[in-house]
Amino acid sequence: ADNRWAVLTKIHHCIADGIATTQVLAKFSDNGADTS
């Protein structure tokens, strides 16, 4: 609703913890690998 859409990303825990998972998600975004 309200002119929105969503992206759900799932990653096995053997690959990444919380911080590493958010870094992967950031690389999917337009912001890329900028973690500053």
PDB file of all heavy atoms in Angstrom:
ATOM      1  N   ALA A   1       0.836  -1.200   0.000  1.00  0.00           N
ATOM      2  CA  ALA A   1       0.000   0.000   0.000  1.00  0.00           C
ATOM      3  C   ALA A   1       0.872   1.252   0.000  1.00  0.00           C
ATOM      4  O   ALA A   1       2.075   1.194   0.260  1.00  0.00           O
ATOM      5  CB  ALA A   1      -0.911  -0.012   1.227  1.00  0.00           C
ATOM      6  N   ASP A   2       0.270   2.369  -0.301  1.00  0.00           N
ATOM      7  CA  ASP A   2       0.918   3.686  -0.245  1.00  0.00           C
ATOM      8  C   ASP A   2       2.083   3.810  -1.223  1.00  0.00           C
ATOM      9  O   ASP A   2       3.118   4.403  -0.893  1.00  0.00           O
ATOM     10  CB  ASP A   2       1.392   4.007   1.177  1.00  0.00           C
ATOM     11  CG  ASP A   2       0.263   4.010   2.190  1.00  0.00           C
ATOM     12  OD1 ASP A   2      -0.799   4.563   1.863  1.00  0.00           O
ATOM     13  OD2 ASP A   2       0.446   3.468   3.290  1.00  0.00           O
ATOM     14  N   ASN A   3       1.941   3.218  -2.401  1.00  0.00           N
ATOM     15  CA  ASN A   3       2.938   3.375  -3.462  1.00  0.00           C
ATOM     16  C   ASN A   3       4.323   2.927  -3.008  1.00  0.00           C
ATOM     17  O   ASN A   3       5.314   3.637  -3.160  1.00  0.00           O
ATOM     18  CB  ASN A   3       2.985   4.838  -3.935  1.00  0.00           C
ATOM     19  CG  ASN A   3       3.803   5.015  -5.202  1.00  0.00           C
ATOM     20  OD1 ASN A   3       3.811   4.156  -6.076  1.00  0.00           O
ATOM     21  ND2 ASN A   3       4.503   6.141  -5.306  1.00  0.00           N
ATOM     22  N   ARG A   4       4.397   1.732  -2.448  1.00  0.00           N
ATOM     23  CA  ARG A   4       5.672   1.194  -1.970  1.00  0.00           C
ATOM     24  C   ARG A   4       5.883  -0.205  -2.522  1.00  0.00           C
ATOM     25  O   ARG A   4       4.953  -0.866  -2.977  1.00  0.00           O
ATOM     26  CB  ARG A   4       5.698   1.135  -0.439  1.00  0.00           C
ATOM     27  CG  ARG A   4       5.545   2.475   0.274  1.00  0.00           C
ATOM     28  CD  ARG A   4       5.379   2.274   1.780  1.00  0.00           C
ATOM     29  NE  ARG A   4       4.204   1.467   2.065  1.00  0.00           N
ATOM     30  CZ  ARG A   4       4.038   0.732   3.178  1.00  0.00           C
ATOM     31  NH1 ARG A   4       4.990   0.715   4.089  1.00  0.00           N
ATOM     32  NH2 ARG A   4       2.940   0.026   3.348  1.00  0.00           N
ATOM     33  N   TRP A   5       7.117  -0.656  -2.465  1.00  0.00           N
ATOM     34  CA  TRP A   5       7.472  -2.041  -2.774  1.00  0.00           C
ATOM     35  C   TRP A   5       8.576  -2.450  -1.816  1.00  0.00           C
ATOM     36  O   TRP A   5       9.049  -1.637  -1.017  1.00  0.00           O
ATOM     37  CB  TRP A   5       7.906  -2.194  -4.234  1.00  0.00           C
ATOM     38  CG  TRP A   5       8.984  -1.274  -4.701  1.00  0.00           C
ATOM     39  CD1 TRP A   5       8.880   0.069  -4.918  1.00  0.00           C
ATOM     40  CD2 TRP A   5      10.329  -1.629  -5.026  1.00  0.00           C
ATOM     41  NE1 TRP A   5      10.075   0.582  -5.349  1.00  0.00           N
ATOM     42  CE2 TRP A   5      10.985  -0.425  -5.429  1.00  0.00           C
ATOM     43  CE3 TRP A   5      11.044  -2.812  -5.043  1.00  0.00           C
ATOM     44  CZ2 TRP A   5      12.323  -0.399  -5.829  1.00  0.00           C
ATOM     45  CZ3 TRP A   5      12.378  -2.785  -5.452  1.00  0.00           C
ATOM     46  CH2 TRP A   5      13.000  -1.602  -5.822  1.00  0.00           C
ATOM     47  N   ALA A   6       8.972  -3.709  -1.836  1.00  0.00           N
ATOM     48  CA  ALA A   6       9.920  -4.200  -0.836  1.00  0.00           C
ATOM     49  C   ALA A   6      10.873  -5.217  -1.446  1.00  0.00           C
ATOM     50  O   ALA A   6      10.582  -5.834  -2.479  1.00  0.00           O
ATOM     51  CB  ALA A   6       9.177  -4.819   0.343  1.00  0.00           C
ATOM     52  N   VAL A   7      12.006  -5.370  -0.798  1.00  0.00           N
ATOM     53  CA  VAL A   7      12.984  -6.394  -1.157  1.00  0.00           C
ATOM     54  C   VAL A   7      13.355  -7.150   0.112  1.00  0.00           C
ATOM     55  O   VAL A   7      13.767  -6.541   1.107  1.00  0.00           O
ATOM     56  CB  VAL A   7      14.248  -5.782  -1.793  1.00  0.00           C
ATOM     57  CG1 VAL A   7      15.287  -6.876  -2.053  1.00  0.00           C
ATOM     58  CG2 VAL A   7      13.906  -5.062  -3.082  1.00  0.00           C
ATOM     59  N   LEU A   8      13.170  -8.460   0.092  1.00  0.00           N
ATOM     60  CA  LEU A   8      13.574  -9.312   1.205  1.00  0.00           C
ATOM     61  C   LEU A   8      14.820 -10.087   0.793  1.00  0.00           C
ATOM     62  O   LEU A   8      14.820 -10.762  -0.239  1.00  0.00           O
ATOM     63  CB  LEU A   8      12.464 -10.287   1.594  1.00  0.00           C
ATOM     64  CG  LEU A   8      12.729 -11.182   2.816  1.00  0.00           C
ATOM     65  CD1 LEU A   8      11.409 -11.574   3.482  1.00  0.00           C
ATOM     66  CD2 LEU A   8      13.500 -12.461   2.472  1.00  0.00           C
ATOM     67  N   THR A   9      15.871  -9.981   1.589  1.00  0.00           N
ATOM     68  CA  THR A   9      17.114 -10.705   1.332  1.00  0.00           C
ATOM     69  C   THR A   9      17.382 -11.646   2.494  1.00  0.00           C
ATOM     70  O   THR A   9      17.314 -11.223   3.648  1.00  0.00           O
ATOM     71  CB  THR A   9      18.297  -9.740   1.169  1.00  0.00           C
ATOM     72  OG1 THR A   9      17.979  -8.775   0.162  1.00  0.00           O
ATOM     73  CG2 THR A   9      19.560 -10.491   0.770  1.00  0.00           C
ATOM     74  N   LYS A  10      17.671 -12.911   2.199  1.00  0.00           N
ATOM     75  CA  LYS A  10      18.015 -13.874   3.243  1.00  0.00           C
ATOM     76  C   LYS A  10      19.361 -14.516   2.915  1.00  0.00           C
ATOM     77  O   LYS A  10      19.652 -14.834   1.757  1.00  0.00           O
ATOM     78  CB  LYS A  10      16.914 -14.930   3.406  1.00  0.00           C
ATOM     79  CG  LYS A  10      16.577 -15.707   2.159  1.00  0.00           C
ATOM     80  CD  LYS A  10      15.335 -16.575   2.341  1.00  0.00           C
ATOM     81  CE  LYS A  10      15.549 -17.745   3.257  1.00  0.00           C
ATOM     82  NZ  LYS A  10      14.420 -18.714   3.224  1.00  0.00           N
ATOM     83  N   ILE A  11      20.166 -14.681   3.951  1.00  0.00           N
ATOM     84  CA  ILE A  11      21.520 -15.210   3.825  1.00  0.00           C
ATOM     85  C   ILE A  11      21.737 -16.226   4.937  1.00  0.00           C
ATOM     86  O   ILE A  11      21.352 -15.984   6.085  1.00  0.00           O
ATOM     87  CB  ILE A  11      22.568 -14.082   3.938  1.00  0.00           C
ATOM     88  CG1 ILE A  11      22.318 -13.000   2.898  1.00  0.00           C
ATOM     89  CG2 ILE A  11      23.986 -14.624   3.808  1.00  0.00           C
ATOM     90  CD1 ILE A  11      23.193 -11.768   3.081  1.00  0.00           C
ATOM     91  N   HIS A  12      22.360 -17.337   4.626  1.00  0.00           N
ATOM     92  CA  HIS A  12      22.601 -18.339   5.668  1.00  0.00           C
ATOM     93  C   HIS A  12      23.569 -17.796   6.712  1.00  0.00           C
ATOM     94  O   HIS A  12      24.534 -17.106   6.394  1.00  0.00           O
ATOM     95  CB  HIS A  12      23.153 -19.635   5.073  1.00  0.00           C
ATOM     96  CG  HIS A  12      22.966 -20.800   5.995  1.00  0.00           C
ATOM     97  ND1 HIS A  12      23.752 -21.026   7.110  1.00  0.00           N
ATOM     98  CD2 HIS A  12      22.060 -21.817   5.969  1.00  0.00           C
ATOM     99  CE1 HIS A  12      23.346 -22.114   7.731  1.00  0.00           C
ATOM    100  NE2 HIS A  12      22.315 -22.609   7.062  1.00  0.00           N
ATOM    101  N   HIS A  13      23.288 -18.136   7.970  1.00  0.00           N
ATOM    102  CA  HIS A  13      24.095 -17.620   9.075  1.00  0.00           C
ATOM    103  C   HIS A  13      25.543 -18.109   9.015  1.00  0.00           C
ATOM    104  O   HIS A  13      26.438 -17.484   9.606  1.00  0.00           O
ATOM    105  CB  HIS A  13      23.462 -18.035  10.411  1.00  0.00           C
ATOM    106  CG  HIS A  13      23.650 -17.026  11.501  1.00  0.00           C
ATOM    107  ND1 HIS A  13      24.770 -16.228  11.599  1.00  0.00           N
ATOM    108  CD2 HIS A  13      22.860 -16.686  12.555  1.00  0.00           C
ATOM    109  CE1 HIS A  13      24.664 -15.449  12.662  1.00  0.00           C
ATOM    110  NE2 HIS A  13      23.512 -15.698  13.252  1.00  0.00           N
ATOM    111  N   CYS A  14      25.813 -19.205   8.309  1.00  0.00           N
ATOM    112  CA  CYS A  14      27.202 -19.663   8.199  1.00  0.00           C
ATOM    113  C   CYS A  14      28.043 -18.701   7.361  1.00  0.00           C
ATOM    114  O   CYS A  14      29.272 -18.736   7.416  1.00  0.00           O
ATOM    115  CB  CYS A  14      27.269 -21.074   7.611  1.00  0.00           C
ATOM    116  SG  CYS A  14      26.950 -21.173   5.837  1.00  0.00           S
ATOM    117  N   ILE A  15      27.388 -17.820   6.595  1.00  0.00           N
ATOM    118  CA  ILE A  15      28.098 -16.844   5.772  1.00  0.00           C
ATOM    119  C   ILE A  15      28.380 -15.576   6.562  1.00  0.00           C
ATOM    120  O   ILE A  15      29.467 -14.995   6.449  1.00  0.00           O
ATOM    121  CB  ILE A  15      27.274 -16.481   4.525  1.00  0.00           C
ATOM    122  CG1 ILE A  15      27.154 -17.685   3.592  1.00  0.00           C
ATOM    123  CG2 ILE A  15      27.887 -15.295   3.779  1.00  0.00           C
ATOM    124  CD1 ILE A  15      26.324 -17.416   2.354  1.00  0.00           C
ATOM    125  N   ALA A  16      27.421 -15.128   7.351  1.00  0.00           N
ATOM    126  CA  ALA A  16      27.553 -13.788   7.922  1.00  0.00           C
ATOM    127  C   ALA A  16      26.811 -13.637   9.233  1.00  0.00           C
ATOM    128  O   ALA A  16      25.748 -14.227   9.433  1.00  0.00           O
ATOM    129  CB  ALA A  16      27.026 -12.759   6.918  1.00  0.00           C
ATOM    130  N   ASP A  17      27.396 -12.814  10.137  1.00  0.00           N
ATOM    131  CA  ASP A  17      26.692 -12.376  11.329  1.00  0.00           C
ATOM    132  C   ASP A  17      25.921 -11.104  10.988  1.00  0.00           C
ATOM    133  O   ASP A  17      25.804 -10.726   9.810  1.00  0.00           O
ATOM    134  CB  ASP A  17      27.673 -12.157  12.488  1.00  0.00           C
ATOM    135  CG  ASP A  17      28.790 -11.165  12.148  1.00  0.00           C
ATOM    136  OD1 ASP A  17      28.614 -10.347  11.215  1.00  0.00           O
ATOM    137  OD2 ASP A  17      29.844 -11.203  12.809  1.00  0.00           O
ATOM    138  N   GLY A  18      25.384 -10.427  12.010  1.00  0.00           N
ATOM    139  CA  GLY A  18      24.549  -9.265  11.752  1.00  0.00           C
ATOM    140  C   GLY A  18      25.261  -8.158  11.003  1.00  0.00           C
ATOM    141  O   GLY A  18      24.734  -7.605  10.030  1.00  0.00           O
ATOM    142  N   ILE A  19      26.471  -7.802  11.447  1.00  0.00           N
ATOM    143  CA  ILE A  19      27.206  -6.719  10.791  1.00  0.00           C
ATOM    144  C   ILE A  19      27.554  -7.087   9.357  1.00  0.00           C
ATOM    145  O   ILE A  19      27.392  -6.291   8.431  1.00  0.00           O
ATOM    146  CB  ILE A  19      28.469  -6.362  11.597  1.00  0.00           C
ATOM    147  CG1 ILE A  19      28.074  -5.653  12.894  1.00  0.00           C
ATOM    148  CG2 ILE A  19      29.406  -5.479  10.782  1.00  0.00           C
ATOM    149  CD1 ILE A  19      29.245  -5.274  13.775  1.00  0.00           C
ATOM    150  N   ALA A  20      28.038  -8.316   9.154  1.00  0.00           N
ATOM    151  CA  ALA A  20      28.399  -8.739   7.802  1.00  0.00           C
ATOM    152  C   ALA A  20      27.169  -8.780   6.899  1.00  0.00           C
ATOM    153  O   ALA A  20      27.250  -8.444   5.706  1.00  0.00           O
ATOM    154  CB  ALA A  20      29.074 -10.106   7.838  1.00  0.00           C
ATOM    155  N   THR A  21      26.019  -9.173   7.441  1.00  0.00           N
ATOM    156  CA  THR A  21      24.794  -9.211   6.645  1.00  0.00           C
ATOM    157  C   THR A  21      24.400  -7.812   6.190  1.00  0.00           C
ATOM    158  O   THR A  21      24.032  -7.602   5.024  1.00  0.00           O
ATOM    159  CB  THR A  21      23.647  -9.835   7.447  1.00  0.00           C
ATOM    160  OG1 THR A  21      23.979 -11.185   7.774  1.00  0.00           O
ATOM    161  CG2 THR A  21      22.356  -9.821   6.654  1.00  0.00           C
ATOM    162  N   THR A  22      24.488  -6.839   7.093  1.00  0.00           N
ATOM    163  CA  THR A  22      24.134  -5.475   6.698  1.00  0.00           C
ATOM    164  C   THR A  22      25.104  -4.937   5.651  1.00  0.00           C
ATOM    165  O   THR A  22      24.723  -4.117   4.805  1.00  0.00           O
ATOM    166  CB  THR A  22      24.110  -4.531   7.911  1.00  0.00           C
ATOM    167  OG1 THR A  22      25.373  -4.579   8.586  1.00  0.00           O
ATOM    168  CG2 THR A  22      23.007  -4.908   8.873  1.00  0.00           C
ATOM    169  N   GLN A  23      26.352  -5.394   5.692  1.00  0.00           N
ATOM    170  CA  GLN A  23      27.304  -4.962   4.674  1.00  0.00           C
ATOM    171  C   GLN A  23      26.947  -5.519   3.303  1.00  0.00           C
ATOM    172  O   GLN A  23      27.073  -4.838   2.277  1.00  0.00           O
ATOM    173  CB  GLN A  23      28.717  -5.410   5.055  1.00  0.00           C
ATOM    174  CG  GLN A  23      29.274  -4.705   6.281  1.00  0.00           C
ATOM    175  CD  GLN A  23      29.273  -3.199   6.112  1.00  0.00           C
ATOM    176  OE1 GLN A  23      29.948  -2.644   5.263  1.00  0.00           O
ATOM    177  NE2 GLN A  23      28.478  -2.519   6.928  1.00  0.00           N
ATOM    178  N   VAL A  24      26.479  -6.766   3.276  1.00  0.00           N
ATOM    179  CA  VAL A  24      26.030  -7.357   2.009  1.00  0.00           C
ATOM    180  C   VAL A  24      24.830  -6.582   1.475  1.00  0.00           C
ATOM    181  O   VAL A  24      24.753  -6.252   0.281  1.00  0.00           O
ATOM    182  CB  VAL A  24      25.682  -8.840   2.203  1.00  0.00           C
ATOM    183  CG1 VAL A  24      25.005  -9.402   0.953  1.00  0.00           C
ATOM    184  CG2 VAL A  24      26.934  -9.651   2.530  1.00  0.00           C
ATOM    185  N   LEU A  25      23.884  -6.268   2.357  1.00  0.00           N
ATOM    186  CA  LEU A  25      22.701  -5.525   1.928  1.00  0.00           C
ATOM    187  C   LEU A  25      23.079  -4.145   1.406  1.00  0.00           C
ATOM    188  O   LEU A  25      22.482  -3.649   0.442  1.00  0.00           O
ATOM    189  CB  LEU A  25      21.720  -5.399   3.103  1.00  0.00           C
ATOM    190  CG  LEU A  25      21.156  -6.718   3.642  1.00  0.00           C
ATOM    191  CD1 LEU A  25      20.280  -6.457   4.851  1.00  0.00           C
ATOM    192  CD2 LEU A  25      20.383  -7.452   2.567  1.00  0.00           C
ATOM    193  N   ALA A  26      24.071  -3.517   2.040  1.00  0.00           N
ATOM    194  CA  ALA A  26      24.505  -2.199   1.587  1.00  0.00           C
ATOM    195  C   ALA A  26      25.053  -2.255   0.169  1.00  0.00           C
ATOM    196  O   ALA A  26      24.864  -1.322  -0.621  1.00  0.00           O
ATOM    197  CB  ALA A  26      25.562  -1.638   2.543  1.00  0.00           C
ATOM    198  N   LYS A  27      25.725  -3.353  -0.159  1.00  0.00           N
ATOM    199  CA  LYS A  27      26.284  -3.484  -1.509  1.00  0.00           C
ATOM    200  C   LYS A  27      25.192  -3.671  -2.564  1.00  0.00           C
ATOM    201  O   LYS A  27      25.423  -3.426  -3.744  1.00  0.00           O
ATOM    202  CB  LYS A  27      27.276  -4.644  -1.548  1.00  0.00           C
ATOM    203  CG  LYS A  27      28.542  -4.360  -0.742  1.00  0.00           C
ATOM    204  CD  LYS A  27      29.470  -5.550  -0.710  1.00  0.00           C
ATOM    205  CE  LYS A  27      30.705  -5.255   0.126  1.00  0.00           C
ATOM    206  NZ  LYS A  27      31.615  -6.414   0.248  1.00  0.00           N
ATOM    207  N   PHE A  28      24.014  -4.109  -2.141  1.00  0.00           N
ATOM    208  CA  PHE A  28      22.888  -4.191  -3.066  1.00  0.00           C
ATOM    209  C   PHE A  28      22.312  -2.812  -3.353  1.00  0.00           C
ATOM    210  O   PHE A  28      21.636  -2.609  -4.365  1.00  0.00           O
ATOM    211  CB  PHE A  28      21.784  -5.080  -2.490  1.00  0.00           C
ATOM    212  CG  PHE A  28      22.047  -6.555  -2.623  1.00  0.00           C
ATOM    213  CD1 PHE A  28      21.248  -7.471  -1.956  1.00  0.00           C
ATOM    214  CD2 PHE A  28      23.082  -7.041  -3.400  1.00  0.00           C
ATOM    215  CE1 PHE A  28      21.487  -8.834  -2.075  1.00  0.00           C
ATOM    216  CE2 PHE A  28      23.326  -8.397  -3.516  1.00  0.00           C
ATOM    217  CZ  PHE A  28      22.518  -9.304  -2.851  1.00  0.00           C
ATOM    218  N   SER A  29      22.516  -1.847  -2.448  1.00  0.00           N
ATOM    219  CA  SER A  29      21.911  -0.525  -2.594  1.00  0.00           C
ATOM    220  C   SER A  29      22.735   0.368  -3.516  1.00  0.00           C
ATOM    221  O   SER A  29      23.866   0.043  -3.877  1.00  0.00           O
ATOM    222  CB  SER A  29      21.772   0.136  -1.221  1.00  0.00           C
ATOM    223  OG  SER A  29      23.042   0.555  -0.751  1.00  0.00           O
ATOM    224  N   ASP A  30      22.165   1.521  -3.850  1.00  0.00           N
ATOM    225  CA  ASP A  30      22.883   2.483  -4.690  1.00  0.00           C
ATOM    226  C   ASP A  30      24.094   3.048  -3.968  1.00  0.00           C
ATOM    227  O   ASP A  30      25.044   3.506  -4.602  1.00  0.00           O
ATOM    228  CB  ASP A  30      21.961   3.644  -5.085  1.00  0.00           C
ATOM    229  CG  ASP A  30      20.784   3.185  -5.934  1.00  0.00           C
ATOM    230  OD1 ASP A  30      20.778   2.008  -6.348  1.00  0.00           O
ATOM    231  OD2 ASP A  30      19.876   3.997  -6.169  1.00  0.00           O
ATOM    232  N   ASN A  31      24.066   3.038  -2.636  1.00  0.00           N
ATOM    233  CA  ASN A  31      25.182   3.565  -1.848  1.00  0.00           C
ATOM    234  C   ASN A  31      26.425   2.704  -1.962  1.00  0.00           C
ATOM    235  O   ASN A  31      27.524   3.132  -1.626  1.00  0.00           O
ATOM    236  CB  ASN A  31      24.774   3.681  -0.372  1.00  0.00           C
ATOM    237  CG  ASN A  31      23.543   4.540  -0.187  1.00  0.00           C
ATOM    238  OD1 ASN A  31      22.477   4.226  -0.696  1.00  0.00           O
ATOM    239  ND2 ASN A  31      23.688   5.625   0.547  1.00  0.00           N
ATOM    240  N   GLY A  32      26.236   1.455  -2.397  1.00  0.00           N
ATOM    241  CA  GLY A  32      27.348   0.549  -2.610  1.00  0.00           C
ATOM    242  C   GLY A  32      28.095   0.213  -1.352  1.00  0.00           C
ATOM    243  O   GLY A  32      27.504  -0.003  -0.298  1.00  0.00           O
ATOM    244  N   ALA A  33      29.411   0.153  -1.447  1.00  0.00           N
ATOM    245  CA  ALA A  33      30.236  -0.282  -0.323  1.00  0.00           C
ATOM    246  C   ALA A  33      30.646   0.861   0.594  1.00  0.00           C
ATOM    247  O   ALA A  33      31.521   0.701   1.443  1.00  0.00           O
ATOM    248  CB  ALA A  33      31.490  -0.983  -0.839  1.00  0.00           C
ATOM    249  N   ASP A  34      30.043   2.042   0.445  1.00  0.00           N
ATOM    250  CA  ASP A  34      30.386   3.171   1.300  1.00  0.00           C
ATOM    251  C   ASP A  34      29.844   2.925   2.705  1.00  0.00           C
ATOM    252  O   ASP A  34      28.638   2.979   2.932  1.00  0.00           O
ATOM    253  CB  ASP A  34      29.799   4.465   0.729  1.00  0.00           C
ATOM    254  CG  ASP A  34      30.094   5.677   1.605  1.00  0.00           C
ATOM    255  OD1 ASP A  34      30.973   5.564   2.483  1.00  0.00           O
ATOM    256  OD2 ASP A  34      29.446   6.716   1.398  1.00  0.00           O
ATOM    257  N   THR A  35      30.725   2.637   3.646  1.00  0.00           N
ATOM    258  CA  THR A  35      30.309   2.339   5.020  1.00  0.00           C
ATOM    259  C   THR A  35      30.715   3.446   5.988  1.00  0.00           C
ATOM    260  O   THR A  35      30.714   3.256   7.187  1.00  0.00           O
ATOM    261  CB  THR A  35      30.933   1.015   5.486  1.00  0.00           C
ATOM    262  OG1 THR A  35      32.372   1.124   5.391  1.00  0.00           O
ATOM    263  CG2 THR A  35      30.463  -0.143   4.629  1.00  0.00           C
ATOM    264  N   SER A  36      31.047   4.620   5.462  1.00  0.00           N
ATOM    265  CA  SER A  36      31.524   5.699   6.314  1.00  0.00           C
ATOM    266  C   SER A  36      30.455   6.223   7.258  1.00  0.00           C
ATOM    267  O   SER A  36      30.763   6.853   8.267  1.00  0.00           O
ATOM    268  CB  SER A  36      32.052   6.849   5.457  1.00  0.00           C
ATOM    269  OG  SER A  36      31.019   7.349   4.612  1.00  0.00           O
TER     270      SER A  36
END
